[in-house]
Amino acid sequence: MDNWDVNNWTHKYGEMGSRDKKTGKLNNYIVTQTHKNGVNTFKCSCPATTYRPWLEACKHIKRLKEKLMLP
């Protein structure tokens, strides 16, 4: 536990996406929450922010924030 720091940590969550129209399967995406010195940042593995870089957060990040009750 020498390298553990309360102010800097990363946690990964699995978030379910929408159903694929061709295959009918549900997509799963990884949402990574990084906490550095009191600031939370989120990053999602979905292609939404690649196609629309002006988006602040994709729907997976918004849904995760609702579940975690974060502003």
PDB file of N, CA and C in Angstrom:
ATOM      1  N   MET A   1       0.812  -1.195   0.000  1.00  0.00           N
ATOM      2  CA  MET A   1       0.000   0.000   0.000  1.00  0.00           C
ATOM      3  C   MET A   1       0.855   1.258   0.000  1.00  0.00           C
ATOM      4  N   ASP A   2       2.101   1.150  -0.425  1.00  0.00           N
ATOM      5  CA  ASP A   2       2.981   2.309  -0.445  1.00  0.00           C
ATOM      6  C   ASP A   2       2.595   3.303  -1.537  1.00  0.00           C
ATOM      7  N   ASN A   3       2.090   2.804  -2.678  1.00  0.00           N
ATOM      8  CA  ASN A   3       1.783   3.678  -3.801  1.00  0.00           C
ATOM      9  C   ASN A   3       0.344   4.168  -3.809  1.00  0.00           C
ATOM     10  N   TRP A   4      -0.458   3.834  -2.827  1.00  0.00           N
ATOM     11  CA  TRP A   4      -1.854   4.226  -2.811  1.00  0.00           C
ATOM     12  C   TRP A   4      -1.980   5.666  -2.357  1.00  0.00           C
ATOM     13  N   ASP A   5      -2.717   6.471  -3.126  1.00  0.00           N
ATOM     14  CA  ASP A   5      -2.886   7.889  -2.825  1.00  0.00           C
ATOM     15  C   ASP A   5      -4.378   8.213  -2.814  1.00  0.00           C
ATOM     16  N   VAL A   6      -4.826   8.879  -1.760  1.00  0.00           N
ATOM     17  CA  VAL A   6      -6.245   9.213  -1.617  1.00  0.00           C
ATOM     18  C   VAL A   6      -6.678  10.244  -2.652  1.00  0.00           C
ATOM     19  N   ASN A   7      -5.796  11.138  -3.057  1.00  0.00           N
ATOM     20  CA  ASN A   7      -6.160  12.222  -3.967  1.00  0.00           C
ATOM     21  C   ASN A   7      -6.098  11.834  -5.446  1.00  0.00           C
ATOM     22  N   ASN A   8      -5.442  10.732  -5.772  1.00  0.00           N
ATOM     23  CA  ASN A   8      -5.297  10.320  -7.174  1.00  0.00           C
ATOM     24  C   ASN A   8      -5.697   8.864  -7.312  1.00  0.00           C
ATOM     25  N   TRP A   9      -6.816   8.625  -8.015  1.00  0.00           N
ATOM     26  CA  TRP A   9      -7.259   7.249  -8.224  1.00  0.00           C
ATOM     27  C   TRP A   9      -8.058   7.147  -9.511  1.00  0.00           C
ATOM     28  N   THR A  10      -8.190   5.916 -10.009  1.00  0.00           N
ATOM     29  CA  THR A  10      -8.936   5.627 -11.232  1.00  0.00           C
ATOM     30  C   THR A  10      -9.842   4.435 -10.977  1.00  0.00           C
ATOM     31  N   HIS A  11     -11.072   4.527 -11.488  1.00  0.00           N
ATOM     32  CA  HIS A  11     -12.018   3.418 -11.348  1.00  0.00           C
ATOM     33  C   HIS A  11     -12.732   3.218 -12.677  1.00  0.00           C
ATOM     34  N   LYS A  12     -12.926   1.949 -13.060  1.00  0.00           N
ATOM     35  CA  LYS A  12     -13.594   1.640 -14.323  1.00  0.00           C
ATOM     36  C   LYS A  12     -14.960   1.029 -14.053  1.00  0.00           C
ATOM     37  N   TYR A  13     -15.952   1.465 -14.842  1.00  0.00           N
ATOM     38  CA  TYR A  13     -17.323   0.973 -14.734  1.00  0.00           C
ATOM     39  C   TYR A  13     -17.751   0.424 -16.085  1.00  0.00           C
ATOM     40  N   GLY A  14     -18.568  -0.597 -16.065  1.00  0.00           N
ATOM     41  CA  GLY A  14     -19.168  -1.119 -17.284  1.00  0.00           C
ATOM     42  C   GLY A  14     -20.546  -0.521 -17.472  1.00  0.00           C
ATOM     43  N   GLU A  15     -20.787   0.054 -18.623  1.00  0.00           N
ATOM     44  CA  GLU A  15     -22.071   0.702 -18.905  1.00  0.00           C
ATOM     45  C   GLU A  15     -22.650   0.101 -20.183  1.00  0.00           C
ATOM     46  N   MET A  16     -23.924  -0.246 -20.147  1.00  0.00           N
ATOM     47  CA  MET A  16     -24.565  -0.892 -21.277  1.00  0.00           C
ATOM     48  C   MET A  16     -25.032   0.150 -22.283  1.00  0.00           C
ATOM     49  N   GLY A  17     -24.765  -0.124 -23.554  1.00  0.00           N
ATOM     50  CA  GLY A  17     -25.176   0.766 -24.626  1.00  0.00           C
ATOM     51  C   GLY A  17     -26.469   0.302 -25.265  1.00  0.00           C
ATOM     52  N   SER A  18     -26.770   0.866 -26.405  1.00  0.00           N
ATOM     53  CA  SER A  18     -28.008   0.512 -27.096  1.00  0.00           C
ATOM     54  C   SER A  18     -27.805  -0.749 -27.945  1.00  0.00           C
ATOM     55  N   ARG A  19     -28.904  -1.297 -28.397  1.00  0.00           N
ATOM     56  CA  ARG A  19     -28.886  -2.548 -29.161  1.00  0.00           C
ATOM     57  C   ARG A  19     -28.415  -2.299 -30.602  1.00  0.00           C
ATOM     58  N   ASP A  20     -27.548  -3.176 -31.090  1.00  0.00           N
ATOM     59  CA  ASP A  20     -27.064  -3.115 -32.463  1.00  0.00           C
ATOM     60  C   ASP A  20     -28.181  -3.569 -33.400  1.00  0.00           C
ATOM     61  N   LYS A  21     -28.474  -2.765 -34.415  1.00  0.00           N
ATOM     62  CA  LYS A  21     -29.599  -3.073 -35.313  1.00  0.00           C
ATOM     63  C   LYS A  21     -29.332  -4.307 -36.168  1.00  0.00           C
ATOM     64  N   LYS A  22     -28.084  -4.533 -36.562  1.00  0.00           N
ATOM     65  CA  LYS A  22     -27.767  -5.668 -37.430  1.00  0.00           C
ATOM     66  C   LYS A  22     -27.752  -6.992 -36.667  1.00  0.00           C
ATOM     67  N   THR A  23     -27.071  -7.030 -35.532  1.00  0.00           N
ATOM     68  CA  THR A  23     -26.897  -8.288 -34.805  1.00  0.00           C
ATOM     69  C   THR A  23     -27.907  -8.480 -33.689  1.00  0.00           C
ATOM     70  N   GLY A  24     -28.482  -7.398 -33.184  1.00  0.00           N
ATOM     71  CA  GLY A  24     -29.433  -7.483 -32.077  1.00  0.00           C
ATOM     72  C   GLY A  24     -28.768  -7.603 -30.721  1.00  0.00           C
ATOM     73  N   LYS A  25     -27.432  -7.493 -30.673  1.00  0.00           N
ATOM     74  CA  LYS A  25     -26.708  -7.606 -29.406  1.00  0.00           C
ATOM     75  C   LYS A  25     -26.573  -6.241 -28.742  1.00  0.00           C
ATOM     76  N   LEU A  26     -26.443  -6.267 -27.415  1.00  0.00           N
ATOM     77  CA  LEU A  26     -26.227  -5.041 -26.661  1.00  0.00           C
ATOM     78  C   LEU A  26     -24.732  -4.743 -26.593  1.00  0.00           C
ATOM     79  N   ASN A  27     -24.383  -3.485 -26.788  1.00  0.00           N
ATOM     80  CA  ASN A  27     -22.984  -3.070 -26.685  1.00  0.00           C
ATOM     81  C   ASN A  27     -22.670  -2.714 -25.241  1.00  0.00           C
ATOM     82  N   ASN A  28     -21.491  -3.077 -24.795  1.00  0.00           N
ATOM     83  CA  ASN A  28     -21.011  -2.703 -23.464  1.00  0.00           C
ATOM     84  C   ASN A  28     -19.807  -1.792 -23.620  1.00  0.00           C
ATOM     85  N   TYR A  29     -19.785  -0.713 -22.851  1.00  0.00           N
ATOM     86  CA  TYR A  29     -18.697   0.250 -22.921  1.00  0.00           C
ATOM     87  C   TYR A  29     -18.077   0.416 -21.544  1.00  0.00           C
ATOM     88  N   ILE A  30     -16.801   0.773 -21.526  1.00  0.00           N
ATOM     89  CA  ILE A  30     -16.070   1.010 -20.289  1.00  0.00           C
ATOM     90  C   ILE A  30     -16.003   2.520 -20.061  1.00  0.00           C
ATOM     91  N   VAL A  31     -16.518   2.968 -18.917  1.00  0.00           N
ATOM     92  CA  VAL A  31     -16.430   4.371 -18.527  1.00  0.00           C
ATOM     93  C   VAL A  31     -15.394   4.450 -17.406  1.00  0.00           C
ATOM     94  N   THR A  32     -14.358   5.250 -17.623  1.00  0.00           N
ATOM     95  CA  THR A  32     -13.268   5.383 -16.671  1.00  0.00           C
ATOM     96  C   THR A  32     -13.410   6.704 -15.924  1.00  0.00           C
ATOM     97  N   GLN A  33     -13.439   6.615 -14.609  1.00  0.00           N
ATOM     98  CA  GLN A  33     -13.488   7.811 -13.760  1.00  0.00           C
ATOM     99  C   GLN A  33     -12.107   8.007 -13.151  1.00  0.00           C
ATOM    100  N   THR A  34     -11.528   9.177 -13.380  1.00  0.00           N
ATOM    101  CA  THR A  34     -10.220   9.505 -12.840  1.00  0.00           C
ATOM    102  C   THR A  34     -10.373  10.673 -11.877  1.00  0.00           C
ATOM    103  N   HIS A  35      -9.817  10.526 -10.697  1.00  0.00           N
ATOM    104  CA  HIS A  35      -9.883  11.565  -9.660  1.00  0.00           C
ATOM    105  C   HIS A  35      -8.464  12.032  -9.390  1.00  0.00           C
ATOM    106  N   LYS A  36      -8.185  13.296  -9.710  1.00  0.00           N
ATOM    107  CA  LYS A  36      -6.857  13.860  -9.468  1.00  0.00           C
ATOM    108  C   LYS A  36      -7.005  15.168  -8.713  1.00  0.00           C
ATOM    109  N   ASN A  37      -6.523  15.176  -7.499  1.00  0.00           N
ATOM    110  CA  ASN A  37      -6.499  16.374  -6.660  1.00  0.00           C
ATOM    111  C   ASN A  37      -7.867  17.048  -6.564  1.00  0.00           C
ATOM    112  N   GLY A  38      -8.908  16.262  -6.353  1.00  0.00           N
ATOM    113  CA  GLY A  38     -10.245  16.797  -6.148  1.00  0.00           C
ATOM    114  C   GLY A  38     -11.050  17.032  -7.408  1.00  0.00           C
ATOM    115  N   VAL A  39     -10.524  16.699  -8.585  1.00  0.00           N
ATOM    116  CA  VAL A  39     -11.221  16.917  -9.844  1.00  0.00           C
ATOM    117  C   VAL A  39     -11.534  15.568 -10.483  1.00  0.00           C
ATOM    118  N   ASN A  40     -12.827  15.319 -10.735  1.00  0.00           N
ATOM    119  CA  ASN A  40     -13.258  14.093 -11.398  1.00  0.00           C
ATOM    120  C   ASN A  40     -13.320  14.310 -12.898  1.00  0.00           C
ATOM    121  N   THR A  41     -12.751  13.378 -13.667  1.00  0.00           N
ATOM    122  CA  THR A  41     -12.886  13.387 -15.116  1.00  0.00           C
ATOM    123  C   THR A  41     -13.375  12.013 -15.554  1.00  0.00           C
ATOM    124  N   PHE A  42     -14.150  11.996 -16.630  1.00  0.00           N
ATOM    125  CA  PHE A  42     -14.721  10.770 -17.144  1.00  0.00           C
ATOM    126  C   PHE A  42     -14.316  10.587 -18.596  1.00  0.00           C
ATOM    127  N   LYS A  43     -14.083   9.329 -18.987  1.00  0.00           N
ATOM    128  CA  LYS A  43     -13.765   8.991 -20.373  1.00  0.00           C
ATOM    129  C   LYS A  43     -14.487   7.698 -20.704  1.00  0.00           C
ATOM    130  N   CYS A  44     -15.104   7.659 -21.896  1.00  0.00           N
ATOM    131  CA  CYS A  44     -15.885   6.500 -22.305  1.00  0.00           C
ATOM    132  C   CYS A  44     -15.253   5.868 -23.544  1.00  0.00           C
ATOM    133  N   SER A  45     -15.410   4.555 -23.664  1.00  0.00           N
ATOM    134  CA  SER A  45     -14.836   3.839 -24.804  1.00  0.00           C
ATOM    135  C   SER A  45     -15.756   3.833 -26.027  1.00  0.00           C
ATOM    136  N   CYS A  46     -16.911   4.489 -25.949  1.00  0.00           N
ATOM    137  CA  CYS A  46     -17.838   4.501 -27.080  1.00  0.00           C
ATOM    138  C   CYS A  46     -17.358   5.483 -28.153  1.00  0.00           C
ATOM    139  N   PRO A  47     -17.817   5.313 -29.395  1.00  0.00           N
ATOM    140  CA  PRO A  47     -17.361   6.195 -30.483  1.00  0.00           C
ATOM    141  C   PRO A  47     -18.072   7.546 -30.543  1.00  0.00           C
ATOM    142  N   ALA A  48     -18.970   7.837 -29.629  1.00  0.00           N
ATOM    143  CA  ALA A  48     -19.765   9.074 -29.711  1.00  0.00           C
ATOM    144  C   ALA A  48     -18.894  10.328 -29.665  1.00  0.00           C
ATOM    145  N   THR A  49     -17.927  10.386 -28.771  1.00  0.00           N
ATOM    146  CA  THR A  49     -17.095  11.588 -28.676  1.00  0.00           C
ATOM    147  C   THR A  49     -16.087  11.669 -29.817  1.00  0.00           C
ATOM    148  N   THR A  50     -15.821  10.553 -30.488  1.00  0.00           N
ATOM    149  CA  THR A  50     -14.953  10.585 -31.666  1.00  0.00           C
ATOM    150  C   THR A  50     -15.679  11.238 -32.837  1.00  0.00           C
ATOM    151  N   TYR A  51     -16.960  10.886 -32.995  1.00  0.00           N
ATOM    152  CA  TYR A  51     -17.746  11.445 -34.088  1.00  0.00           C
ATOM    153  C   TYR A  51     -18.208  12.869 -33.812  1.00  0.00           C
ATOM    154  N   ARG A  52     -18.449  13.166 -32.550  1.00  0.00           N
ATOM    155  CA  ARG A  52     -18.917  14.499 -32.151  1.00  0.00           C
ATOM    156  C   ARG A  52     -18.008  15.049 -31.044  1.00  0.00           C
ATOM    157  N   PRO A  53     -16.853  15.611 -31.395  1.00  0.00           N
ATOM    158  CA  PRO A  53     -15.891  16.052 -30.370  1.00  0.00           C
ATOM    159  C   PRO A  53     -16.371  17.234 -29.524  1.00  0.00           C
ATOM    160  N   TRP A  54     -17.428  17.924 -29.959  1.00  0.00           N
ATOM    161  CA  TRP A  54     -17.927  19.056 -29.163  1.00  0.00           C
ATOM    162  C   TRP A  54     -18.769  18.595 -27.977  1.00  0.00           C
ATOM    163  N   LEU A  55     -19.116  17.297 -27.941  1.00  0.00           N
ATOM    164  CA  LEU A  55     -19.895  16.778 -26.816  1.00  0.00           C
ATOM    165  C   LEU A  55     -19.065  16.795 -25.540  1.00  0.00           C
ATOM    166  N   GLU A  56     -19.661  17.279 -24.491  1.00  0.00           N
ATOM    167  CA  GLU A  56     -18.978  17.281 -23.198  1.00  0.00           C
ATOM    168  C   GLU A  56     -18.941  15.876 -22.618  1.00  0.00           C
ATOM    169  N   ALA A  57     -20.064  15.174 -22.724  1.00  0.00           N
ATOM    170  CA  ALA A  57     -20.153  13.816 -22.197  1.00  0.00           C
ATOM    171  C   ALA A  57     -21.172  13.032 -23.014  1.00  0.00           C
ATOM    172  N   CYS A  58     -20.860  11.773 -23.255  1.00  0.00           N
ATOM    173  CA  CYS A  58     -21.816  10.925 -23.970  1.00  0.00           C
ATOM    174  C   CYS A  58     -22.902  10.455 -23.001  1.00  0.00           C
ATOM    175  N   LYS A  59     -23.902   9.762 -23.527  1.00  0.00           N
ATOM    176  CA  LYS A  59     -25.020   9.333 -22.679  1.00  0.00           C
ATOM    177  C   LYS A  59     -24.591   8.301 -21.644  1.00  0.00           C
ATOM    178  N   HIS A  60     -23.513   7.572 -21.900  1.00  0.00           N
ATOM    179  CA  HIS A  60     -23.043   6.580 -20.933  1.00  0.00           C
ATOM    180  C   HIS A  60     -22.451   7.266 -19.703  1.00  0.00           C
ATOM    181  N   ILE A  61     -21.728   8.349 -19.923  1.00  0.00           N
ATOM    182  CA  ILE A  61     -21.161   9.113 -18.801  1.00  0.00           C
ATOM    183  C   ILE A  61     -22.283   9.790 -18.023  1.00  0.00           C
ATOM    184  N   LYS A  62     -23.258  10.353 -18.728  1.00  0.00           N
ATOM    185  CA  LYS A  62     -24.388  11.005 -18.054  1.00  0.00           C
ATOM    186  C   LYS A  62     -25.164  10.001 -17.204  1.00  0.00           C
ATOM    187  N   ARG A  63     -25.386   8.809 -17.745  1.00  0.00           N
ATOM    188  CA  ARG A  63     -26.116   7.768 -17.022  1.00  0.00           C
ATOM    189  C   ARG A  63     -25.336   7.305 -15.784  1.00  0.00           C
ATOM    190  N   LEU A  64     -24.019   7.176 -15.920  1.00  0.00           N
ATOM    191  CA  LEU A  64     -23.187   6.775 -14.783  1.00  0.00           C
ATOM    192  C   LEU A  64     -23.203   7.844 -13.689  1.00  0.00           C
ATOM    193  N   LYS A  65     -23.142   9.099 -14.087  1.00  0.00           N
ATOM    194  CA  LYS A  65     -23.193  10.190 -13.098  1.00  0.00           C
ATOM    195  C   LYS A  65     -24.523  10.178 -12.344  1.00  0.00           C
ATOM    196  N   GLU A  66     -25.598   9.854 -13.047  1.00  0.00           N
ATOM    197  CA  GLU A  66     -26.913   9.738 -12.365  1.00  0.00           C
ATOM    198  C   GLU A  66     -26.893   8.605 -11.338  1.00  0.00           C
ATOM    199  N   LYS A  67     -26.291   7.490 -11.716  1.00  0.00           N
ATOM    200  CA  LYS A  67     -26.226   6.349 -10.801  1.00  0.00           C
ATOM    201  C   LYS A  67     -25.369   6.641  -9.586  1.00  0.00           C
ATOM    202  N   LEU A  68     -24.272   7.384  -9.793  1.00  0.00           N
ATOM    203  CA  LEU A  68     -23.359   7.741  -8.698  1.00  0.00           C
ATOM    204  C   LEU A  68     -23.814   8.977  -7.933  1.00  0.00           C
ATOM    205  N   MET A  69     -24.902   9.617  -8.421  1.00  0.00           N
ATOM    206  CA  MET A  69     -25.448  10.839  -7.835  1.00  0.00           C
ATOM    207  C   MET A  69     -24.397  11.956  -7.800  1.00  0.00           C
ATOM    208  N   LEU A  70     -23.720  12.138  -8.931  1.00  0.00           N
ATOM    209  CA  LEU A  70     -22.739  13.220  -9.077  1.00  0.00           C
ATOM    210  C   LEU A  70     -23.346  14.336  -9.909  1.00  0.00           C
ATOM    211  N   PRO A  71     -22.916  15.589  -9.685  1.00  0.00           N
ATOM    212  CA  PRO A  71     -23.462  16.709 -10.480  1.00  0.00           C
ATOM    213  C   PRO A  71     -22.963  16.690 -11.909  1.00  0.00           C
TER     214      PRO A  71
END
